[in-house]
């Protein structure tokens, strides 16, 4: 891997970023506030990113007790959305995520496995992000689920929740994501924003 410095990161990441700039369009965050969230650094994502992110922004990290991706599911209420109509099991998961265990089993079709291996070599192993299992053995011991709430204590507000899932068999991070509630222009109610960190950027859902 060719290192271009702290500003640009690795060559493979820099090339990917240039492709995104060339094929995407530039927007002002002031006009698209729902896109404004955490972005990855140029070296590694992994477990440690969120502790440093919270420290820089003066947020308190809560990692004990019952923690959910959101504090209150009713925050999603809107003109045409009634959270009370959602299955209680779904609401419980979002409000008590730390109380749930996750398991997964995966197997690649032979034709696609080389692409998964290339993703692992070029990005996932190095960044400790999006380490999709390449064989059933990778997920044979299940995965851990670490939920970290980041609070603005002065405002008494949960800003966002980090959810880090690690494959126990390999120690690789499957997903490191941030979850928060935001408003999207043109949508009748608040939405859950899922943000998966990448070098100098993020994938938002």
Foldseek 3Di string as FASTA:
>chain_A
DDAPDQVQAHPVQNVVVVVCPVPDDDDDCVVVVVQDDDAAGRFACPDCNVVVVLVVVVWDKDFDDFAFQAQFPCQFDFDPDDSVPDPPVVRCCRNRVQVDFFADFDEDDPVCLVVLVVCCVPFCVRHLAQNDDSHRQQRVVHKHWTKIFIHDVVVRDGAWIWIWIARPRPRGTNFTWIWDWDDGPPDGTIDIWIWTYDHRGTDID
